[in-house]
Amino acid sequence: MSEPGPQRRLFELVRERMEANPACHDYDHTLRVYRTALEIAEGEGADREVVSAAALLHDIARDRELEEGSENCHARLGAEETQTILAGCGFEDRAFIARVAACVASHRYRRRPGQEPPASPEERAVFDADKLDGMGAVGIARAFHFAGRIGARLHNSPEAALESDPYSREDTAYREYLIKLRRLEDTMLTATGRRLARERSEFMDEFFRRLCAETGTGFPAREED
């Protein structure tokens, strides 16, 4: 039986490393980002091989950030690890490895000081794919999953949500939607990403409008934000 190639070894390493992560950033999340990133790469003419490897590795250092504290940015740590990981899997092209590491370094929604914004088509494809996983039905599911993990309420009013602290009982899925998820559409960097984001954003709007209607809470209009 022949030895697995570099791509197969990369998949196996990422699965082993990511499976135990909290579900919002586990191997399932990685695979969703991987599939979406390749769809965007196809639409934008980006290098599929670079996008493929970068999507698999974009959250590879999430476990270290959780262990060491949020001051240790997983995007920066991941970019550093990417070079070692790819070489260990059998990737030899240094230019390719550098391009993948740049995608990992620039994928984060909240940029840290000194972090460059996504510039290449490949960096933009991975960035948009990661943000899209926080939108639509999957984005809603992830928001409720996280709220359940921290013991937050099922739902609350816009006022209670927006005036609350992170990781509090009022840090609901609705709060995540109001503060972050509904704004993700405006962060898209590719035409393909914007098209996908529009569809997912409309679904989220309708879902939370209905949830607010069924629970008797308000739904702030975008103009009033």
C-alpha atoms as a PDB file:
ATOM      1  CA  MET A   1       0.000   0.000   0.000  1.00  0.00           C
ATOM      2  CA  SER A   2       1.438   3.356  -1.049  1.00  0.00           C
ATOM      3  CA  GLU A   3       2.160   6.139   1.398  1.00  0.00           C
ATOM      4  CA  PRO A   4      -0.496   8.913   1.536  1.00  0.00           C
ATOM      5  CA  GLY A   5       0.405  12.068  -0.382  1.00  0.00           C
ATOM      6  CA  PRO A   6       0.922  15.509   1.203  1.00  0.00           C
ATOM      7  CA  GLN A   7      -2.734  16.554   0.850  1.00  0.00           C
ATOM      8  CA  ARG A   8      -3.987  13.368   2.501  1.00  0.00           C
ATOM      9  CA  ARG A   9      -1.492  13.707   5.334  1.00  0.00           C
ATOM     10  CA  LEU A  10      -2.646  17.295   5.831  1.00  0.00           C
ATOM     11  CA  PHE A  11      -6.290  16.249   6.100  1.00  0.00           C
ATOM     12  CA  GLU A  12      -5.394  13.578   8.651  1.00  0.00           C
ATOM     13  CA  LEU A  13      -3.288  15.943  10.746  1.00  0.00           C
ATOM     14  CA  VAL A  14      -5.979  18.641  10.761  1.00  0.00           C
ATOM     15  CA  ARG A  15      -8.715  16.162  11.680  1.00  0.00           C
ATOM     16  CA  GLU A  16      -6.680  14.777  14.583  1.00  0.00           C
ATOM     17  CA  ARG A  17      -5.863  18.273  15.855  1.00  0.00           C
ATOM     18  CA  MET A  18      -9.328  19.823  15.417  1.00  0.00           C
ATOM     19  CA  GLU A  19     -11.796  17.099  16.379  1.00  0.00           C
ATOM     20  CA  ALA A  20     -11.623  17.815  20.117  1.00  0.00           C
ATOM     21  CA  ASN A  21     -12.137  21.578  19.738  1.00  0.00           C
ATOM     22  CA  PRO A  22     -15.411  23.237  20.819  1.00  0.00           C
ATOM     23  CA  ALA A  23     -17.972  22.758  18.057  1.00  0.00           C
ATOM     24  CA  CYS A  24     -17.932  26.353  16.836  1.00  0.00           C
ATOM     25  CA  HIS A  25     -14.338  25.884  15.646  1.00  0.00           C
ATOM     26  CA  ASP A  26     -13.875  22.144  15.266  1.00  0.00           C
ATOM     27  CA  TYR A  27     -13.120  19.878  12.313  1.00  0.00           C
ATOM     28  CA  ASP A  28     -16.698  20.150  11.039  1.00  0.00           C
ATOM     29  CA  HIS A  29     -16.302  23.933  10.885  1.00  0.00           C
ATOM     30  CA  THR A  30     -13.000  23.476   9.071  1.00  0.00           C
ATOM     31  CA  LEU A  31     -14.597  21.254   6.436  1.00  0.00           C
ATOM     32  CA  ARG A  32     -17.446  23.714   5.874  1.00  0.00           C
ATOM     33  CA  VAL A  33     -14.976  26.555   5.395  1.00  0.00           C
ATOM     34  CA  TYR A  34     -12.930  24.319   3.100  1.00  0.00           C
ATOM     35  CA  ARG A  35     -15.909  23.609   0.829  1.00  0.00           C
ATOM     36  CA  THR A  36     -17.048  27.238   0.733  1.00  0.00           C
ATOM     37  CA  ALA A  37     -13.526  28.513   0.133  1.00  0.00           C
ATOM     38  CA  LEU A  38     -13.163  26.253  -2.901  1.00  0.00           C
ATOM     39  CA  GLU A  39     -16.502  27.502  -4.234  1.00  0.00           C
ATOM     40  CA  ILE A  40     -15.287  31.073  -3.878  1.00  0.00           C
ATOM     41  CA  ALA A  41     -11.915  30.223  -5.395  1.00  0.00           C
ATOM     42  CA  GLU A  42     -13.704  28.786  -8.419  1.00  0.00           C
ATOM     43  CA  GLY A  43     -15.773  31.928  -8.856  1.00  0.00           C
ATOM     44  CA  GLU A  44     -12.888  34.325  -8.306  1.00  0.00           C
ATOM     45  CA  GLY A  45     -10.132  32.541 -10.232  1.00  0.00           C
ATOM     46  CA  ALA A  46      -8.029  31.986  -7.098  1.00  0.00           C
ATOM     47  CA  ASP A  47      -5.429  29.229  -6.804  1.00  0.00           C
ATOM     48  CA  ARG A  48      -7.398  26.224  -5.555  1.00  0.00           C
ATOM     49  CA  GLU A  49      -4.366  24.447  -4.095  1.00  0.00           C
ATOM     50  CA  VAL A  50      -3.393  27.421  -1.947  1.00  0.00           C
ATOM     51  CA  VAL A  51      -7.003  27.999  -0.873  1.00  0.00           C
ATOM     52  CA  SER A  52      -7.478  24.310  -0.083  1.00  0.00           C
ATOM     53  CA  ALA A  53      -4.487  24.093   2.252  1.00  0.00           C
ATOM     54  CA  ALA A  54      -5.192  27.469   3.864  1.00  0.00           C
ATOM     55  CA  ALA A  55      -8.841  26.646   4.549  1.00  0.00           C
ATOM     56  CA  LEU A  56      -7.807  23.412   6.255  1.00  0.00           C
ATOM     57  CA  LEU A  57      -5.252  25.230   8.404  1.00  0.00           C
ATOM     58  CA  HIS A  58      -7.006  28.524   9.113  1.00  0.00           C
ATOM     59  CA  ASP A  59      -7.995  27.574  12.690  1.00  0.00           C
ATOM     60  CA  ILE A  60      -5.205  25.127  13.407  1.00  0.00           C
ATOM     61  CA  ALA A  61      -3.982  27.160  16.401  1.00  0.00           C
ATOM     62  CA  ARG A  62      -7.408  27.712  17.987  1.00  0.00           C
ATOM     63  CA  ASP A  63      -6.524  25.160  20.653  1.00  0.00           C
ATOM     64  CA  ARG A  64      -3.407  27.122  21.582  1.00  0.00           C
ATOM     65  CA  GLU A  65      -5.345  30.389  21.819  1.00  0.00           C
ATOM     66  CA  LEU A  66      -7.868  28.705  24.127  1.00  0.00           C
ATOM     67  CA  GLU A  67      -5.097  27.331  26.318  1.00  0.00           C
ATOM     68  CA  GLU A  68      -2.800  30.365  26.313  1.00  0.00           C
ATOM     69  CA  GLY A  69      -5.375  33.184  26.282  1.00  0.00           C
ATOM     70  CA  SER A  70      -6.853  35.418  23.597  1.00  0.00           C
ATOM     71  CA  GLU A  71      -3.822  37.722  23.629  1.00  0.00           C
ATOM     72  CA  ASN A  72      -2.101  34.962  21.652  1.00  0.00           C
ATOM     73  CA  CYS A  73      -3.851  35.392  18.309  1.00  0.00           C
ATOM     74  CA  HIS A  74      -4.661  32.068  16.660  1.00  0.00           C
ATOM     75  CA  ALA A  75      -4.225  33.603  13.199  1.00  0.00           C
ATOM     76  CA  ARG A  76      -0.644  34.622  13.943  1.00  0.00           C
ATOM     77  CA  LEU A  77       0.155  31.372  15.733  1.00  0.00           C
ATOM     78  CA  GLY A  78      -1.458  29.388  12.942  1.00  0.00           C
ATOM     79  CA  ALA A  79       0.535  31.151  10.253  1.00  0.00           C
ATOM     80  CA  GLU A  80       3.725  30.264  12.098  1.00  0.00           C
ATOM     81  CA  GLU A  81       2.680  26.637  12.523  1.00  0.00           C
ATOM     82  CA  THR A  82       1.553  26.376   8.893  1.00  0.00           C
ATOM     83  CA  GLN A  83       5.096  26.480   7.622  1.00  0.00           C
ATOM     84  CA  THR A  84       6.186  23.583   9.842  1.00  0.00           C
ATOM     85  CA  ILE A  85       3.031  21.562   9.246  1.00  0.00           C
ATOM     86  CA  LEU A  86       3.118  21.813   5.451  1.00  0.00           C
ATOM     87  CA  ALA A  87       6.793  20.932   5.295  1.00  0.00           C
ATOM     88  CA  GLY A  88       6.166  17.967   7.592  1.00  0.00           C
ATOM     89  CA  CYS A  89       3.328  16.760   5.345  1.00  0.00           C
ATOM     90  CA  GLY A  90       5.626  16.770   2.329  1.00  0.00           C
ATOM     91  CA  PHE A  91       4.905  20.122   0.683  1.00  0.00           C
ATOM     92  CA  GLU A  92       8.227  21.411  -0.622  1.00  0.00           C
ATOM     93  CA  ASP A  93       7.454  24.604  -2.573  1.00  0.00           C
ATOM     94  CA  ARG A  94       8.460  27.445  -0.253  1.00  0.00           C
ATOM     95  CA  ALA A  95       6.515  30.043  -2.235  1.00  0.00           C
ATOM     96  CA  PHE A  96       3.378  27.906  -1.944  1.00  0.00           C
ATOM     97  CA  ILE A  97       3.882  27.490   1.804  1.00  0.00           C
ATOM     98  CA  ALA A  98       4.355  31.255   2.221  1.00  0.00           C
ATOM     99  CA  ARG A  99       1.133  31.974   0.328  1.00  0.00           C
ATOM    100  CA  VAL A 100      -0.809  29.526   2.476  1.00  0.00           C
ATOM    101  CA  ALA A 101       0.636  31.048   5.667  1.00  0.00           C
ATOM    102  CA  ALA A 102      -0.404  34.521   4.473  1.00  0.00           C
ATOM    103  CA  CYS A 103      -3.994  33.307   4.081  1.00  0.00           C
ATOM    104  CA  VAL A 104      -4.002  31.896   7.602  1.00  0.00           C
ATOM    105  CA  ALA A 105      -2.486  35.079   9.039  1.00  0.00           C
ATOM    106  CA  SER A 106      -5.109  37.362   7.469  1.00  0.00           C
ATOM    107  CA  HIS A 107      -8.334  35.369   7.918  1.00  0.00           C
ATOM    108  CA  ARG A 108      -9.395  36.777  11.276  1.00  0.00           C
ATOM    109  CA  TYR A 109     -12.521  38.975  11.565  1.00  0.00           C
ATOM    110  CA  ARG A 110     -11.085  41.135  14.346  1.00  0.00           C
ATOM    111  CA  ARG A 111      -7.676  42.308  13.209  1.00  0.00           C
ATOM    112  CA  ARG A 112      -4.878  42.711  15.705  1.00  0.00           C
ATOM    113  CA  PRO A 113      -2.258  45.487  15.585  1.00  0.00           C
ATOM    114  CA  GLY A 114       0.164  44.781  12.767  1.00  0.00           C
ATOM    115  CA  GLN A 115      -2.131  42.268  11.067  1.00  0.00           C
ATOM    116  CA  GLU A 116      -2.432  42.963   7.354  1.00  0.00           C
ATOM    117  CA  PRO A 117      -5.860  42.788   5.676  1.00  0.00           C
ATOM    118  CA  PRO A 118      -6.431  40.034   3.099  1.00  0.00           C
ATOM    119  CA  ALA A 119      -4.833  41.133  -0.180  1.00  0.00           C
ATOM    120  CA  SER A 120      -4.515  38.241  -2.622  1.00  0.00           C
ATOM    121  CA  PRO A 121      -7.483  36.422  -4.211  1.00  0.00           C
ATOM    122  CA  GLU A 122      -6.591  33.382  -2.118  1.00  0.00           C
ATOM    123  CA  GLU A 123      -6.506  35.348   1.144  1.00  0.00           C
ATOM    124  CA  ARG A 124      -9.857  36.927   0.326  1.00  0.00           C
ATOM    125  CA  ALA A 125     -11.427  33.580  -0.534  1.00  0.00           C
ATOM    126  CA  VAL A 126     -10.438  32.062   2.819  1.00  0.00           C
ATOM    127  CA  PHE A 127     -11.485  35.201   4.717  1.00  0.00           C
ATOM    128  CA  ASP A 128     -14.933  35.258   3.113  1.00  0.00           C
ATOM    129  CA  ALA A 129     -15.472  31.516   3.547  1.00  0.00           C
ATOM    130  CA  ASP A 130     -14.708  31.711   7.263  1.00  0.00           C
ATOM    131  CA  LYS A 131     -17.123  34.618   7.730  1.00  0.00           C
ATOM    132  CA  LEU A 132     -19.844  32.872   5.737  1.00  0.00           C
ATOM    133  CA  ASP A 133     -19.778  30.006   8.226  1.00  0.00           C
ATOM    134  CA  GLY A 134     -21.012  32.519  10.787  1.00  0.00           C
ATOM    135  CA  MET A 135     -24.044  33.345   8.656  1.00  0.00           C
ATOM    136  CA  GLY A 136     -27.272  31.690   7.530  1.00  0.00           C
ATOM    137  CA  ALA A 137     -28.625  28.534   9.162  1.00  0.00           C
ATOM    138  CA  VAL A 138     -25.156  27.393  10.243  1.00  0.00           C
ATOM    139  CA  GLY A 139     -24.390  30.786  11.763  1.00  0.00           C
ATOM    140  CA  ILE A 140     -27.621  30.699  13.765  1.00  0.00           C
ATOM    141  CA  ALA A 141     -26.909  27.145  14.932  1.00  0.00           C
ATOM    142  CA  ARG A 142     -23.395  28.098  16.023  1.00  0.00           C
ATOM    143  CA  ALA A 143     -24.709  31.142  17.905  1.00  0.00           C
ATOM    144  CA  PHE A 144     -27.219  29.053  19.852  1.00  0.00           C
ATOM    145  CA  HIS A 145     -24.621  26.378  20.511  1.00  0.00           C
ATOM    146  CA  PHE A 146     -22.254  28.942  22.022  1.00  0.00           C
ATOM    147  CA  ALA A 147     -25.029  30.595  24.042  1.00  0.00           C
ATOM    148  CA  GLY A 148     -25.954  27.198  25.468  1.00  0.00           C
ATOM    149  CA  ARG A 149     -22.342  26.464  26.395  1.00  0.00           C
ATOM    150  CA  ILE A 150     -22.097  29.624  28.499  1.00  0.00           C
ATOM    151  CA  GLY A 151     -25.568  29.267  30.065  1.00  0.00           C
ATOM    152  CA  ALA A 152     -27.216  32.209  28.311  1.00  0.00           C
ATOM    153  CA  ARG A 153     -30.969  32.636  27.924  1.00  0.00           C
ATOM    154  CA  LEU A 154     -32.731  31.325  24.837  1.00  0.00           C
ATOM    155  CA  HIS A 155     -33.728  34.827  23.738  1.00  0.00           C
ATOM    156  CA  ASN A 156     -34.047  38.386  25.044  1.00  0.00           C
ATOM    157  CA  SER A 157     -34.986  41.891  23.937  1.00  0.00           C
ATOM    158  CA  PRO A 158     -32.731  44.076  21.764  1.00  0.00           C
ATOM    159  CA  GLU A 159     -32.123  46.327  24.770  1.00  0.00           C
ATOM    160  CA  ALA A 160     -31.142  43.477  27.085  1.00  0.00           C
ATOM    161  CA  ALA A 161     -28.937  41.945  24.410  1.00  0.00           C
ATOM    162  CA  LEU A 162     -27.117  45.111  23.402  1.00  0.00           C
ATOM    163  CA  GLU A 163     -26.586  46.344  26.966  1.00  0.00           C
ATOM    164  CA  SER A 164     -25.215  43.041  28.267  1.00  0.00           C
ATOM    165  CA  ASP A 165     -21.668  41.850  28.807  1.00  0.00           C
ATOM    166  CA  PRO A 166     -20.016  38.993  26.915  1.00  0.00           C
ATOM    167  CA  TYR A 167     -20.337  35.567  28.567  1.00  0.00           C
ATOM    168  CA  SER A 168     -23.260  36.744  30.695  1.00  0.00           C
ATOM    169  CA  ARG A 169     -26.767  35.262  30.913  1.00  0.00           C
ATOM    170  CA  GLU A 170     -27.886  37.896  28.398  1.00  0.00           C
ATOM    171  CA  ASP A 171     -25.163  36.937  25.898  1.00  0.00           C
ATOM    172  CA  THR A 172     -27.725  35.200  23.707  1.00  0.00           C
ATOM    173  CA  ALA A 173     -27.635  34.063  20.110  1.00  0.00           C
ATOM    174  CA  TYR A 174     -29.696  37.182  19.394  1.00  0.00           C
ATOM    175  CA  ARG A 175     -26.936  39.334  20.904  1.00  0.00           C
ATOM    176  CA  GLU A 176     -24.385  37.672  18.618  1.00  0.00           C
ATOM    177  CA  TYR A 177     -26.647  38.377  15.659  1.00  0.00           C
ATOM    178  CA  LEU A 178     -27.161  42.036  16.608  1.00  0.00           C
ATOM    179  CA  ILE A 179     -23.515  42.749  17.371  1.00  0.00           C
ATOM    180  CA  LYS A 180     -21.742  40.682  14.732  1.00  0.00           C
ATOM    181  CA  LEU A 181     -23.610  38.285  12.455  1.00  0.00           C
ATOM    182  CA  ARG A 182     -25.844  40.774  10.657  1.00  0.00           C
ATOM    183  CA  ARG A 183     -22.782  42.907   9.886  1.00  0.00           C
ATOM    184  CA  LEU A 184     -20.775  40.137   8.257  1.00  0.00           C
ATOM    185  CA  GLU A 185     -22.319  40.739   4.833  1.00  0.00           C
ATOM    186  CA  ASP A 186     -20.589  44.126   4.741  1.00  0.00           C
ATOM    187  CA  THR A 187     -17.176  42.545   5.342  1.00  0.00           C
ATOM    188  CA  MET A 188     -17.158  40.346   2.243  1.00  0.00           C
ATOM    189  CA  LEU A 189     -14.187  40.908  -0.052  1.00  0.00           C
ATOM    190  CA  THR A 190     -15.203  38.909  -3.142  1.00  0.00           C
ATOM    191  CA  ALA A 191     -18.166  39.054  -5.501  1.00  0.00           C
ATOM    192  CA  THR A 192     -18.914  35.376  -4.867  1.00  0.00           C
ATOM    193  CA  GLY A 193     -18.752  35.929  -1.133  1.00  0.00           C
ATOM    194  CA  ARG A 194     -21.119  38.897  -1.347  1.00  0.00           C
ATOM    195  CA  ARG A 195     -23.650  36.852  -3.313  1.00  0.00           C
ATOM    196  CA  LEU A 196     -23.577  34.010  -0.800  1.00  0.00           C
ATOM    197  CA  ALA A 197     -23.642  36.420   2.136  1.00  0.00           C
ATOM    198  CA  ARG A 198     -26.718  38.225   0.836  1.00  0.00           C
ATOM    199  CA  GLU A 199     -28.714  35.004   0.779  1.00  0.00           C
ATOM    200  CA  ARG A 200     -27.568  33.958   4.241  1.00  0.00           C
ATOM    201  CA  SER A 201     -28.118  37.411   5.709  1.00  0.00           C
ATOM    202  CA  GLU A 202     -31.703  37.506   4.470  1.00  0.00           C
ATOM    203  CA  PHE A 203     -32.356  34.133   6.100  1.00  0.00           C
ATOM    204  CA  MET A 204     -30.944  35.313   9.447  1.00  0.00           C
ATOM    205  CA  ASP A 205     -33.016  38.491   9.330  1.00  0.00           C
ATOM    206  CA  GLU A 206     -36.194  36.492   8.740  1.00  0.00           C
ATOM    207  CA  PHE A 207     -35.361  33.944  11.447  1.00  0.00           C
ATOM    208  CA  PHE A 208     -34.770  36.529  14.161  1.00  0.00           C
ATOM    209  CA  ARG A 209     -37.757  38.614  13.093  1.00  0.00           C
ATOM    210  CA  ARG A 210     -39.904  35.533  13.566  1.00  0.00           C
ATOM    211  CA  LEU A 211     -38.269  34.639  16.872  1.00  0.00           C
ATOM    212  CA  CYS A 212     -38.897  38.166  18.134  1.00  0.00           C
ATOM    213  CA  ALA A 213     -42.515  38.013  16.956  1.00  0.00           C
ATOM    214  CA  GLU A 214     -43.148  34.672  18.666  1.00  0.00           C
ATOM    215  CA  THR A 215     -41.554  35.830  21.926  1.00  0.00           C
ATOM    216  CA  GLY A 216     -43.041  39.320  21.920  1.00  0.00           C
ATOM    217  CA  THR A 217     -39.725  41.157  21.795  1.00  0.00           C
ATOM    218  CA  GLY A 218     -38.711  43.923  19.429  1.00  0.00           C
ATOM    219  CA  PHE A 219     -36.575  43.690  16.320  1.00  0.00           C
ATOM    220  CA  PRO A 220     -34.609  46.915  15.684  1.00  0.00           C
ATOM    221  CA  ALA A 221     -34.643  48.224  12.142  1.00  0.00           C
ATOM    222  CA  ARG A 222     -31.228  48.571  10.532  1.00  0.00           C
ATOM    223  CA  GLU A 223     -31.724  52.335  10.190  1.00  0.00           C
ATOM    224  CA  GLU A 224     -32.060  52.635  13.982  1.00  0.00           C
ATOM    225  CA  ASP A 225     -28.922  50.705  14.900  1.00  0.00           C
END
